[in-house]
Amino acid sequence: YTGLRIGTSTAKGIAYGAEIKMIAVDTLQAMALKAIENYNDKSFVFVS
């Protein structure tokens, strides 16, 4: 909870200050993508 709040408030500050877009990335999907790159097998399933 605390970590996510810190990251979010910092990202919001940058987006507001620089007037740029803000993107939210699924924490679990990002890890899965790395695993998929390491295990290049179409039959595998990935649990983050």
ModelCIF file with pLDDT and N, C-alpha, C, O atoms, coordinates in Angstrom:
data_MODEL
#
_entry.id   MODEL 
#
_entity.id                         1 
_entity.type                       polymer 
_entity.pdbx_number_of_molecules   1 
#
_entity_poly.entity_id                      1 
_entity_poly.type                           'polypeptide(L)' 
_entity_poly.nstd_linkage                   no 
_entity_poly.nstd_monomer                   no 
_entity_poly.pdbx_seq_one_letter_code       YTGLRIGTSTAKGIAYGAEIKMIAVDTLQAMALKAIENYNDKSFVFVS 
_entity_poly.pdbx_seq_one_letter_code_can   YTGLRIGTSTAKGIAYGAEIKMIAVDTLQAMALKAIENYNDKSFVFVS 
_entity_poly.pdbx_strand_id                 A 
#
loop_
_entity_poly_seq.entity_id 
_entity_poly_seq.num 
_entity_poly_seq.mon_id 
_entity_poly_seq.hetero 
1 1  TYR n 
1 2  THR n 
1 3  GLY n 
1 4  LEU n 
1 5  ARG n 
1 6  ILE n 
1 7  GLY n 
1 8  THR n 
1 9  SER n 
1 10 THR n 
1 11 ALA n 
1 12 LYS n 
1 13 GLY n 
1 14 ILE n 
1 15 ALA n 
1 16 TYR n 
1 17 GLY n 
1 18 ALA n 
1 19 GLU n 
1 20 ILE n 
1 21 LYS n 
1 22 MET n 
1 23 ILE n 
1 24 ALA n 
1 25 VAL n 
1 26 ASP n 
1 27 THR n 
1 28 LEU n 
1 29 GLN n 
1 30 ALA n 
1 31 MET n 
1 32 ALA n 
1 33 LEU n 
1 34 LYS n 
1 35 ALA n 
1 36 ILE n 
1 37 GLU n 
1 38 ASN n 
1 39 TYR n 
1 40 ASN n 
1 41 ASP n 
1 42 LYS n 
1 43 SER n 
1 44 PHE n 
1 45 VAL n 
1 46 PHE n 
1 47 VAL n 
1 48 SER n 
#
_struct_asym.id          A 
_struct_asym.entity_id   1 
#
loop_
_ma_qa_metric.id 
_ma_qa_metric.mode 
_ma_qa_metric.name 
_ma_qa_metric.software_group_id 
_ma_qa_metric.type 
1 global pLDDT . pLDDT 
2 local  pLDDT . pLDDT 
#
_ma_qa_metric_global.metric_id      1 
_ma_qa_metric_global.metric_value   96.40 
_ma_qa_metric_global.model_id       1 
_ma_qa_metric_global.ordinal_id     1 
#
loop_
_ma_qa_metric_local.label_asym_id 
_ma_qa_metric_local.label_comp_id 
_ma_qa_metric_local.label_seq_id 
_ma_qa_metric_local.metric_id 
_ma_qa_metric_local.metric_value 
_ma_qa_metric_local.model_id 
_ma_qa_metric_local.ordinal_id 
A TYR 1  2 90.00 1 1  
A THR 2  2 91.00 1 2  
A GLY 3  2 92.00 1 3  
A LEU 4  2 95.00 1 4  
A ARG 5  2 94.00 1 5  
A ILE 6  2 95.00 1 6  
A GLY 7  2 96.00 1 7  
A THR 8  2 97.00 1 8  
A SER 9  2 97.00 1 9  
A THR 10 2 97.00 1 10 
A ALA 11 2 98.00 1 11 
A LYS 12 2 98.00 1 12 
A GLY 13 2 98.00 1 13 
A ILE 14 2 98.00 1 14 
A ALA 15 2 98.00 1 15 
A TYR 16 2 97.00 1 16 
A GLY 17 2 97.00 1 17 
A ALA 18 2 98.00 1 18 
A GLU 19 2 98.00 1 19 
A ILE 20 2 98.00 1 20 
A LYS 21 2 98.00 1 21 
A MET 22 2 98.00 1 22 
A ILE 23 2 98.00 1 23 
A ALA 24 2 98.00 1 24 
A VAL 25 2 98.00 1 25 
A ASP 26 2 97.00 1 26 
A THR 27 2 97.00 1 27 
A LEU 28 2 98.00 1 28 
A GLN 29 2 98.00 1 29 
A ALA 30 2 98.00 1 30 
A MET 31 2 98.00 1 31 
A ALA 32 2 98.00 1 32 
A LEU 33 2 98.00 1 33 
A LYS 34 2 98.00 1 34 
A ALA 35 2 98.00 1 35 
A ILE 36 2 98.00 1 36 
A GLU 37 2 97.00 1 37 
A ASN 38 2 96.00 1 38 
A TYR 39 2 94.00 1 39 
A ASN 40 2 87.00 1 40 
A ASP 41 2 91.00 1 41 
A LYS 42 2 92.00 1 42 
A SER 43 2 93.00 1 43 
A PHE 44 2 97.00 1 44 
A VAL 45 2 98.00 1 45 
A PHE 46 2 98.00 1 46 
A VAL 47 2 98.00 1 47 
A SER 48 2 98.00 1 48 
#
loop_
_atom_site.group_PDB 
_atom_site.id 
_atom_site.type_symbol 
_atom_site.label_atom_id 
_atom_site.label_alt_id 
_atom_site.label_comp_id 
_atom_site.label_asym_id 
_atom_site.label_entity_id 
_atom_site.label_seq_id 
_atom_site.pdbx_PDB_ins_code 
_atom_site.Cartn_x 
_atom_site.Cartn_y 
_atom_site.Cartn_z 
_atom_site.occupancy 
_atom_site.B_iso_or_equiv 
_atom_site.pdbx_formal_charge 
_atom_site.auth_seq_id 
_atom_site.auth_comp_id 
_atom_site.auth_asym_id 
_atom_site.auth_atom_id 
_atom_site.pdbx_PDB_model_num 
ATOM 1   N N  . TYR A 1 1  ? 0.835  -1.204  0.000   1.00 90.00 ? 1  TYR A N  1 
ATOM 2   C CA . TYR A 1 1  ? 0.000  0.000   0.000   1.00 90.00 ? 1  TYR A CA 1 
ATOM 3   C C  . TYR A 1 1  ? 0.870  1.254   0.000   1.00 90.00 ? 1  TYR A C  1 
ATOM 4   O O  . TYR A 1 1  ? 0.672  2.160   -0.809  1.00 90.00 ? 1  TYR A O  1 
ATOM 5   N N  . THR A 1 2  ? 1.835  1.293   0.918   1.00 91.00 ? 2  THR A N  1 
ATOM 6   C CA . THR A 1 2  ? 2.688  2.474   1.026   1.00 91.00 ? 2  THR A CA 1 
ATOM 7   C C  . THR A 1 2  ? 3.534  2.658   -0.224  1.00 91.00 ? 2  THR A C  1 
ATOM 8   O O  . THR A 1 2  ? 3.638  3.767   -0.749  1.00 91.00 ? 2  THR A O  1 
ATOM 9   N N  . GLY A 1 3  ? 4.138  1.581   -0.701  1.00 92.00 ? 3  GLY A N  1 
ATOM 10  C CA . GLY A 1 3  ? 4.979  1.671   -1.891  1.00 92.00 ? 3  GLY A CA 1 
ATOM 11  C C  . GLY A 1 3  ? 4.215  2.156   -3.101  1.00 92.00 ? 3  GLY A C  1 
ATOM 12  O O  . GLY A 1 3  ? 4.692  3.023   -3.835  1.00 92.00 ? 3  GLY A O  1 
ATOM 13  N N  . LEU A 1 4  ? 3.035  1.606   -3.316  1.00 95.00 ? 4  LEU A N  1 
ATOM 14  C CA . LEU A 1 4  ? 2.226  2.018   -4.463  1.00 95.00 ? 4  LEU A CA 1 
ATOM 15  C C  . LEU A 1 4  ? 1.805  3.474   -4.363  1.00 95.00 ? 4  LEU A C  1 
ATOM 16  O O  . LEU A 1 4  ? 1.764  4.181   -5.370  1.00 95.00 ? 4  LEU A O  1 
ATOM 17  N N  . ARG A 1 5  ? 1.493  3.928   -3.155  1.00 94.00 ? 5  ARG A N  1 
ATOM 18  C CA . ARG A 1 5  ? 1.111  5.328   -2.982  1.00 94.00 ? 5  ARG A CA 1 
ATOM 19  C C  . ARG A 1 5  ? 2.276  6.265   -3.314  1.00 94.00 ? 5  ARG A C  1 
ATOM 20  O O  . ARG A 1 5  ? 2.086  7.305   -3.945  1.00 94.00 ? 5  ARG A O  1 
ATOM 21  N N  . ILE A 1 6  ? 3.470  5.889   -2.888  1.00 95.00 ? 6  ILE A N  1 
ATOM 22  C CA . ILE A 1 6  ? 4.644  6.724   -3.170  1.00 95.00 ? 6  ILE A CA 1 
ATOM 23  C C  . ILE A 1 6  ? 4.904  6.791   -4.671  1.00 95.00 ? 6  ILE A C  1 
ATOM 24  O O  . ILE A 1 6  ? 5.135  7.868   -5.221  1.00 95.00 ? 6  ILE A O  1 
ATOM 25  N N  . GLY A 1 7  ? 4.865  5.636   -5.330  1.00 96.00 ? 7  GLY A N  1 
ATOM 26  C CA . GLY A 1 7  ? 5.091  5.615   -6.772  1.00 96.00 ? 7  GLY A CA 1 
ATOM 27  C C  . GLY A 1 7  ? 4.043  6.411   -7.525  1.00 96.00 ? 7  GLY A C  1 
ATOM 28  O O  . GLY A 1 7  ? 4.367  7.156   -8.451  1.00 96.00 ? 7  GLY A O  1 
ATOM 29  N N  . THR A 1 8  ? 2.800  6.255   -7.134  1.00 97.00 ? 8  THR A N  1 
ATOM 30  C CA . THR A 1 8  ? 1.701  6.944   -7.817  1.00 97.00 ? 8  THR A CA 1 
ATOM 31  C C  . THR A 1 8  ? 1.783  8.449   -7.630  1.00 97.00 ? 8  THR A C  1 
ATOM 32  O O  . THR A 1 8  ? 1.621  9.205   -8.588  1.00 97.00 ? 8  THR A O  1 
ATOM 33  N N  . SER A 1 9  ? 2.033  8.891   -6.404  1.00 97.00 ? 9  SER A N  1 
ATOM 34  C CA . SER A 1 9  ? 2.091  10.337  -6.159  1.00 97.00 ? 9  SER A CA 1 
ATOM 35  C C  . SER A 1 9  ? 3.269  10.974  -6.896  1.00 97.00 ? 9  SER A C  1 
ATOM 36  O O  . SER A 1 9  ? 3.166  12.105  -7.372  1.00 97.00 ? 9  SER A O  1 
ATOM 37  N N  . THR A 1 10 ? 4.380  10.256  -6.992  1.00 97.00 ? 10 THR A N  1 
ATOM 38  C CA . THR A 1 10 ? 5.536  10.774  -7.727  1.00 97.00 ? 10 THR A CA 1 
ATOM 39  C C  . THR A 1 10 ? 5.227  10.871  -9.218  1.00 97.00 ? 10 THR A C  1 
ATOM 40  O O  . THR A 1 10 ? 5.536  11.876  -9.859  1.00 97.00 ? 10 THR A O  1 
ATOM 41  N N  . ALA A 1 11 ? 4.620  9.826   -9.763  1.00 98.00 ? 11 ALA A N  1 
ATOM 42  C CA . ALA A 1 11 ? 4.257  9.837   -11.182 1.00 98.00 ? 11 ALA A CA 1 
ATOM 43  C C  . ALA A 1 11 ? 3.273  10.959  -11.482 1.00 98.00 ? 11 ALA A C  1 
ATOM 44  O O  . ALA A 1 11 ? 3.387  11.632  -12.507 1.00 98.00 ? 11 ALA A O  1 
ATOM 45  N N  . LYS A 1 12 ? 2.311  11.160  -10.597 1.00 98.00 ? 12 LYS A N  1 
ATOM 46  C CA . LYS A 1 12 ? 1.337  12.237  -10.796 1.00 98.00 ? 12 LYS A CA 1 
ATOM 47  C C  . LYS A 1 12 ? 2.021  13.597  -10.780 1.00 98.00 ? 12 LYS A C  1 
ATOM 48  O O  . LYS A 1 12 ? 1.693  14.476  -11.576 1.00 98.00 ? 12 LYS A O  1 
ATOM 49  N N  . GLY A 1 13 ? 2.974  13.763  -9.866  1.00 98.00 ? 13 GLY A N  1 
ATOM 50  C CA . GLY A 1 13 ? 3.691  15.029  -9.804  1.00 98.00 ? 13 GLY A CA 1 
ATOM 51  C C  . GLY A 1 13 ? 4.438  15.333  -11.088 1.00 98.00 ? 13 GLY A C  1 
ATOM 52  O O  . GLY A 1 13 ? 4.425  16.465  -11.571 1.00 98.00 ? 13 GLY A O  1 
ATOM 53  N N  . ILE A 1 14 ? 5.093  14.311  -11.643 1.00 98.00 ? 14 ILE A N  1 
ATOM 54  C CA . ILE A 1 14 ? 5.817  14.492  -12.906 1.00 98.00 ? 14 ILE A CA 1 
ATOM 55  C C  . ILE A 1 14 ? 4.841  14.803  -14.043 1.00 98.00 ? 14 ILE A C  1 
ATOM 56  O O  . ILE A 1 14 ? 5.070  15.716  -14.835 1.00 98.00 ? 14 ILE A O  1 
ATOM 57  N N  . ALA A 1 15 ? 3.753  14.036  -14.114 1.00 98.00 ? 15 ALA A N  1 
ATOM 58  C CA . ALA A 1 15 ? 2.775  14.224  -15.189 1.00 98.00 ? 15 ALA A CA 1 
ATOM 59  C C  . ALA A 1 15 ? 2.144  15.617  -15.131 1.00 98.00 ? 15 ALA A C  1 
ATOM 60  O O  . ALA A 1 15 ? 1.983  16.277  -16.157 1.00 98.00 ? 15 ALA A O  1 
ATOM 61  N N  . TYR A 1 16 ? 1.791  16.049  -13.933 1.00 97.00 ? 16 TYR A N  1 
ATOM 62  C CA . TYR A 1 16 ? 1.214  17.386  -13.776 1.00 97.00 ? 16 TYR A CA 1 
ATOM 63  C C  . TYR A 1 16 ? 2.225  18.468  -14.144 1.00 97.00 ? 16 TYR A C  1 
ATOM 64  O O  . TYR A 1 16 ? 1.939  19.379  -14.921 1.00 97.00 ? 16 TYR A O  1 
ATOM 65  N N  . GLY A 1 17 ? 3.415  18.339  -13.561 1.00 97.00 ? 17 GLY A N  1 
ATOM 66  C CA . GLY A 1 17 ? 4.420  19.392  -13.729 1.00 97.00 ? 17 GLY A CA 1 
ATOM 67  C C  . GLY A 1 17 ? 4.896  19.544  -15.167 1.00 97.00 ? 17 GLY A C  1 
ATOM 68  O O  . GLY A 1 17 ? 5.097  20.658  -15.649 1.00 97.00 ? 17 GLY A O  1 
ATOM 69  N N  . ALA A 1 18 ? 5.074  18.416  -15.849 1.00 98.00 ? 18 ALA A N  1 
ATOM 70  C CA . ALA A 1 18 ? 5.594  18.449  -17.221 1.00 98.00 ? 18 ALA A CA 1 
ATOM 71  C C  . ALA A 1 18 ? 4.480  18.420  -18.266 1.00 98.00 ? 18 ALA A C  1 
ATOM 72  O O  . ALA A 1 18 ? 4.734  18.522  -19.466 1.00 98.00 ? 18 ALA A O  1 
ATOM 73  N N  . GLU A 1 19 ? 3.245  18.279  -17.791 1.00 98.00 ? 19 GLU A N  1 
ATOM 74  C CA . GLU A 1 19 ? 2.085  18.203  -18.694 1.00 98.00 ? 19 GLU A CA 1 
ATOM 75  C C  . GLU A 1 19 ? 2.251  17.084  -19.725 1.00 98.00 ? 19 GLU A C  1 
ATOM 76  O O  . GLU A 1 19 ? 2.120  17.296  -20.930 1.00 98.00 ? 19 GLU A O  1 
ATOM 77  N N  . ILE A 1 20 ? 2.543  15.885  -19.208 1.00 98.00 ? 20 ILE A N  1 
ATOM 78  C CA . ILE A 1 20 ? 2.720  14.707  -20.054 1.00 98.00 ? 20 ILE A CA 1 
ATOM 79  C C  . ILE A 1 20 ? 1.729  13.624  -19.639 1.00 98.00 ? 20 ILE A C  1 
ATOM 80  O O  . ILE A 1 20 ? 1.069  13.727  -18.605 1.00 98.00 ? 20 ILE A O  1 
ATOM 81  N N  . LYS A 1 21 ? 1.642  12.595  -20.460 1.00 98.00 ? 21 LYS A N  1 
ATOM 82  C CA . LYS A 1 21 ? 0.702  11.510  -20.215 1.00 98.00 ? 21 LYS A CA 1 
ATOM 83  C C  . LYS A 1 21 ? 1.196  10.604  -19.088 1.00 98.00 ? 21 LYS A C  1 
ATOM 84  O O  . LYS A 1 21 ? 2.396  10.458  -18.856 1.00 98.00 ? 21 LYS A O  1 
ATOM 85  N N  . MET A 1 22 ? 0.219  9.998   -18.390 1.00 98.00 ? 22 MET A N  1 
ATOM 86  C CA . MET A 1 22 ? 0.531  9.040   -17.334 1.00 98.00 ? 22 MET A CA 1 
ATOM 87  C C  . MET A 1 22 ? -0.026 7.680   -17.724 1.00 98.00 ? 22 MET A C  1 
ATOM 88  O O  . MET A 1 22 ? -1.159 7.571   -18.193 1.00 98.00 ? 22 MET A O  1 
ATOM 89  N N  . ILE A 1 23 ? 0.787  6.642   -17.524 1.00 98.00 ? 23 ILE A N  1 
ATOM 90  C CA . ILE A 1 23 ? 0.447  5.265   -17.900 1.00 98.00 ? 23 ILE A CA 1 
ATOM 91  C C  . ILE A 1 23 ? 0.554  4.384   -16.662 1.00 98.00 ? 23 ILE A C  1 
ATOM 92  O O  . ILE A 1 23 ? 1.478  4.537   -15.863 1.00 98.00 ? 23 ILE A O  1 
ATOM 93  N N  . ALA A 1 24 ? -0.384 3.469   -16.506 1.00 98.00 ? 24 ALA A N  1 
ATOM 94  C CA . ALA A 1 24 ? -0.342 2.512   -15.398 1.00 98.00 ? 24 ALA A CA 1 
ATOM 95  C C  . ALA A 1 24 ? -0.085 1.118   -15.962 1.00 98.00 ? 24 ALA A C  1 
ATOM 96  O O  . ALA A 1 24 ? -0.797 0.666   -16.859 1.00 98.00 ? 24 ALA A O  1 
ATOM 97  N N  . VAL A 1 25 ? 0.926  0.442   -15.438 1.00 98.00 ? 25 VAL A N  1 
ATOM 98  C CA . VAL A 1 25 ? 1.332  -0.883  -15.925 1.00 98.00 ? 25 VAL A CA 1 
ATOM 99  C C  . VAL A 1 25 ? 1.023  -1.930  -14.864 1.00 98.00 ? 25 VAL A C  1 
ATOM 100 O O  . VAL A 1 25 ? 1.339  -1.745  -13.689 1.00 98.00 ? 25 VAL A O  1 
ATOM 101 N N  . ASP A 1 26 ? 0.413  -3.012  -15.278 1.00 97.00 ? 26 ASP A N  1 
ATOM 102 C CA . ASP A 1 26 ? 0.102  -4.135  -14.396 1.00 97.00 ? 26 ASP A CA 1 
ATOM 103 C C  . ASP A 1 26 ? 1.408  -4.743  -13.879 1.00 97.00 ? 26 ASP A C  1 
ATOM 104 O O  . ASP A 1 26 ? 2.218  -5.247  -14.657 1.00 97.00 ? 26 ASP A O  1 
ATOM 105 N N  . THR A 1 27 ? 1.601  -4.689  -12.577 1.00 97.00 ? 27 THR A N  1 
ATOM 106 C CA . THR A 1 27 ? 2.828  -5.206  -11.962 1.00 97.00 ? 27 THR A CA 1 
ATOM 107 C C  . THR A 1 27 ? 3.069  -6.671  -12.316 1.00 97.00 ? 27 THR A C  1 
ATOM 108 O O  . THR A 1 27 ? 4.192  -7.062  -12.635 1.00 97.00 ? 27 THR A O  1 
ATOM 109 N N  . LEU A 1 28 ? 2.028  -7.465  -12.258 1.00 98.00 ? 28 LEU A N  1 
ATOM 110 C CA . LEU A 1 28 ? 2.150  -8.893  -12.512 1.00 98.00 ? 28 LEU A CA 1 
ATOM 111 C C  . LEU A 1 28 ? 2.376  -9.193  -13.989 1.00 98.00 ? 28 LEU A C  1 
ATOM 112 O O  . LEU A 1 28 ? 3.111  -10.121 -14.327 1.00 98.00 ? 28 LEU A O  1 
ATOM 113 N N  . GLN A 1 29 ? 1.761  -8.429  -14.857 1.00 98.00 ? 29 GLN A N  1 
ATOM 114 C CA . GLN A 1 29 ? 1.943  -8.641  -16.297 1.00 98.00 ? 29 GLN A CA 1 
ATOM 115 C C  . GLN A 1 29 ? 3.360  -8.309  -16.738 1.00 98.00 ? 29 GLN A C  1 
ATOM 116 O O  . GLN A 1 29 ? 3.905  -8.960  -17.629 1.00 98.00 ? 29 GLN A O  1 
ATOM 117 N N  . ALA A 1 30 ? 3.953  -7.307  -16.119 1.00 98.00 ? 30 ALA A N  1 
ATOM 118 C CA . ALA A 1 30 ? 5.329  -6.942  -16.464 1.00 98.00 ? 30 ALA A CA 1 
ATOM 119 C C  . ALA A 1 30 ? 6.293  -8.078  -16.141 1.00 98.00 ? 30 ALA A C  1 
ATOM 120 O O  . ALA A 1 30 ? 7.202  -8.359  -16.922 1.00 98.00 ? 30 ALA A O  1 
ATOM 121 N N  . MET A 1 31 ? 6.102  -8.733  -14.996 1.00 98.00 ? 31 MET A N  1 
ATOM 122 C CA . MET A 1 31 ? 6.952  -9.875  -14.660 1.00 98.00 ? 31 MET A CA 1 
ATOM 123 C C  . MET A 1 31 ? 6.708  -11.036 -15.606 1.00 98.00 ? 31 MET A C  1 
ATOM 124 O O  . MET A 1 31 ? 7.648  -11.713 -16.021 1.00 98.00 ? 31 MET A O  1 
ATOM 125 N N  . ALA A 1 32 ? 5.447  -11.268 -15.948 1.00 98.00 ? 32 ALA A N  1 
ATOM 126 C CA . ALA A 1 32 ? 5.128  -12.356 -16.872 1.00 98.00 ? 32 ALA A CA 1 
ATOM 127 C C  . ALA A 1 32 ? 5.800  -12.147 -18.219 1.00 98.00 ? 32 ALA A C  1 
ATOM 128 O O  . ALA A 1 32 ? 6.291  -13.099 -18.826 1.00 98.00 ? 32 ALA A O  1 
ATOM 129 N N  . LEU A 1 33 ? 5.825  -10.910 -18.686 1.00 98.00 ? 33 LEU A N  1 
ATOM 130 C CA . LEU A 1 33 ? 6.460  -10.620 -19.968 1.00 98.00 ? 33 LEU A CA 1 
ATOM 131 C C  . LEU A 1 33 ? 7.936  -10.989 -19.952 1.00 98.00 ? 33 LEU A C  1 
ATOM 132 O O  . LEU A 1 33 ? 8.453  -11.544 -20.922 1.00 98.00 ? 33 LEU A O  1 
ATOM 133 N N  . LYS A 1 34 ? 8.609  -10.685 -18.860 1.00 98.00 ? 34 LYS A N  1 
ATOM 134 C CA . LYS A 1 34 ? 10.020 -11.055 -18.739 1.00 98.00 ? 34 LYS A CA 1 
ATOM 135 C C  . LYS A 1 34 ? 10.190 -12.578 -18.769 1.00 98.00 ? 34 LYS A C  1 
ATOM 136 O O  . LYS A 1 34 ? 11.106 -13.088 -19.413 1.00 98.00 ? 34 LYS A O  1 
ATOM 137 N N  . ALA A 1 35 ? 9.321  -13.290 -18.084 1.00 98.00 ? 35 ALA A N  1 
ATOM 138 C CA . ALA A 1 35 ? 9.399  -14.756 -18.071 1.00 98.00 ? 35 ALA A CA 1 
ATOM 139 C C  . ALA A 1 35 ? 9.127  -15.333 -19.454 1.00 98.00 ? 35 ALA A C  1 
ATOM 140 O O  . ALA A 1 35 ? 9.770  -16.297 -19.869 1.00 98.00 ? 35 ALA A O  1 
ATOM 141 N N  . ILE A 1 36 ? 8.173  -14.742 -20.163 1.00 98.00 ? 36 ILE A N  1 
ATOM 142 C CA . ILE A 1 36 ? 7.846  -15.208 -21.509 1.00 98.00 ? 36 ILE A CA 1 
ATOM 143 C C  . ILE A 1 36 ? 9.039  -15.036 -22.442 1.00 98.00 ? 36 ILE A C  1 
ATOM 144 O O  . ILE A 1 36 ? 9.298  -15.891 -23.289 1.00 98.00 ? 36 ILE A O  1 
ATOM 145 N N  . GLU A 1 37 ? 9.755  -13.947 -22.287 1.00 97.00 ? 37 GLU A N  1 
ATOM 146 C CA . GLU A 1 37 ? 10.954 -13.716 -23.096 1.00 97.00 ? 37 GLU A CA 1 
ATOM 147 C C  . GLU A 1 37 ? 12.026 -14.755 -22.789 1.00 97.00 ? 37 GLU A C  1 
ATOM 148 O O  . GLU A 1 37 ? 12.767 -15.168 -23.682 1.00 97.00 ? 37 GLU A O  1 
ATOM 149 N N  . ASN A 1 38 ? 12.111 -15.180 -21.525 1.00 96.00 ? 38 ASN A N  1 
ATOM 150 C CA . ASN A 1 38 ? 13.126 -16.160 -21.121 1.00 96.00 ? 38 ASN A CA 1 
ATOM 151 C C  . ASN A 1 38 ? 12.743 -17.591 -21.515 1.00 96.00 ? 38 ASN A C  1 
ATOM 152 O O  . ASN A 1 38 ? 13.605 -18.410 -21.834 1.00 96.00 ? 38 ASN A O  1 
ATOM 153 N N  . TYR A 1 39 ? 11.436 -17.877 -21.489 1.00 94.00 ? 39 TYR A N  1 
ATOM 154 C CA . TYR A 1 39 ? 10.948 -19.221 -21.796 1.00 94.00 ? 39 TYR A CA 1 
ATOM 155 C C  . TYR A 1 39 ? 10.105 -19.134 -23.064 1.00 94.00 ? 39 TYR A C  1 
ATOM 156 O O  . TYR A 1 39 ? 8.885  -18.978 -22.997 1.00 94.00 ? 39 TYR A O  1 
ATOM 157 N N  . ASN A 1 40 ? 10.739 -19.231 -24.181 1.00 87.00 ? 40 ASN A N  1 
ATOM 158 C CA . ASN A 1 40 ? 10.074 -19.046 -25.470 1.00 87.00 ? 40 ASN A CA 1 
ATOM 159 C C  . ASN A 1 40 ? 9.406  -20.345 -25.911 1.00 87.00 ? 40 ASN A C  1 
ATOM 160 O O  . ASN A 1 40 ? 9.868  -21.019 -26.831 1.00 87.00 ? 40 ASN A O  1 
ATOM 161 N N  . ASP A 1 41 ? 8.312  -20.680 -25.236 1.00 91.00 ? 41 ASP A N  1 
ATOM 162 C CA . ASP A 1 41 ? 7.591  -21.913 -25.533 1.00 91.00 ? 41 ASP A CA 1 
ATOM 163 C C  . ASP A 1 41 ? 6.096  -21.612 -25.512 1.00 91.00 ? 41 ASP A C  1 
ATOM 164 O O  . ASP A 1 41 ? 5.564  -21.193 -24.483 1.00 91.00 ? 41 ASP A O  1 
ATOM 165 N N  . LYS A 1 42 ? 5.415  -21.822 -26.632 1.00 92.00 ? 42 LYS A N  1 
ATOM 166 C CA . LYS A 1 42 ? 4.005  -21.460 -26.758 1.00 92.00 ? 42 LYS A CA 1 
ATOM 167 C C  . LYS A 1 42 ? 3.087  -22.312 -25.895 1.00 92.00 ? 42 LYS A C  1 
ATOM 168 O O  . LYS A 1 42 ? 1.938  -21.940 -25.659 1.00 92.00 ? 42 LYS A O  1 
ATOM 169 N N  . SER A 1 43 ? 3.580  -23.446 -25.425 1.00 93.00 ? 43 SER A N  1 
ATOM 170 C CA . SER A 1 43 ? 2.733  -24.330 -24.626 1.00 93.00 ? 43 SER A CA 1 
ATOM 171 C C  . SER A 1 43 ? 2.761  -23.980 -23.139 1.00 93.00 ? 43 SER A C  1 
ATOM 172 O O  . SER A 1 43 ? 1.952  -24.497 -22.368 1.00 93.00 ? 43 SER A O  1 
ATOM 173 N N  . PHE A 1 44 ? 3.683  -23.108 -22.728 1.00 97.00 ? 44 PHE A N  1 
ATOM 174 C CA . PHE A 1 44 ? 3.838  -22.781 -21.315 1.00 97.00 ? 44 PHE A CA 1 
ATOM 175 C C  . PHE A 1 44 ? 2.748  -21.810 -20.852 1.00 97.00 ? 44 PHE A C  1 
ATOM 176 O O  . PHE A 1 44 ? 2.216  -21.021 -21.632 1.00 97.00 ? 44 PHE A O  1 
ATOM 177 N N  . VAL A 1 45 ? 2.439  -21.898 -19.566 1.00 98.00 ? 45 VAL A N  1 
ATOM 178 C CA . VAL A 1 45 ? 1.548  -20.955 -18.893 1.00 98.00 ? 45 VAL A CA 1 
ATOM 179 C C  . VAL A 1 45 ? 2.371  -20.249 -17.817 1.00 98.00 ? 45 VAL A C  1 
ATOM 180 O O  . VAL A 1 45 ? 3.286  -20.837 -17.241 1.00 98.00 ? 45 VAL A O  1 
ATOM 181 N N  . PHE A 1 46 ? 2.043  -18.992 -17.549 1.00 98.00 ? 46 PHE A N  1 
ATOM 182 C CA . PHE A 1 46 ? 2.853  -18.179 -16.649 1.00 98.00 ? 46 PHE A CA 1 
ATOM 183 C C  . PHE A 1 46 ? 1.987  -17.615 -15.515 1.00 98.00 ? 46 PHE A C  1 
ATOM 184 O O  . PHE A 1 46 ? 0.938  -17.014 -15.746 1.00 98.00 ? 46 PHE A O  1 
ATOM 185 N N  . VAL A 1 47 ? 2.462  -17.828 -14.290 1.00 98.00 ? 47 VAL A N  1 
ATOM 186 C CA . VAL A 1 47 ? 1.763  -17.321 -13.116 1.00 98.00 ? 47 VAL A CA 1 
ATOM 187 C C  . VAL A 1 47 ? 2.661  -16.310 -12.417 1.00 98.00 ? 47 VAL A C  1 
ATOM 188 O O  . VAL A 1 47 ? 3.730  -16.655 -11.914 1.00 98.00 ? 47 VAL A O  1 
ATOM 189 N N  . SER A 1 48 ? 2.217  -15.063 -12.394 1.00 98.00 ? 48 SER A N  1 
ATOM 190 C CA . SER A 1 48 ? 2.938  -14.023 -11.649 1.00 98.00 ? 48 SER A CA 1 
ATOM 191 C C  . SER A 1 48 ? 2.302  -13.897 -10.278 1.00 98.00 ? 48 SER A C  1 
ATOM 192 O O  . SER A 1 48 ? 2.740  -13.081 -9.467  1.00 98.00 ? 48 SER A O  1 
#
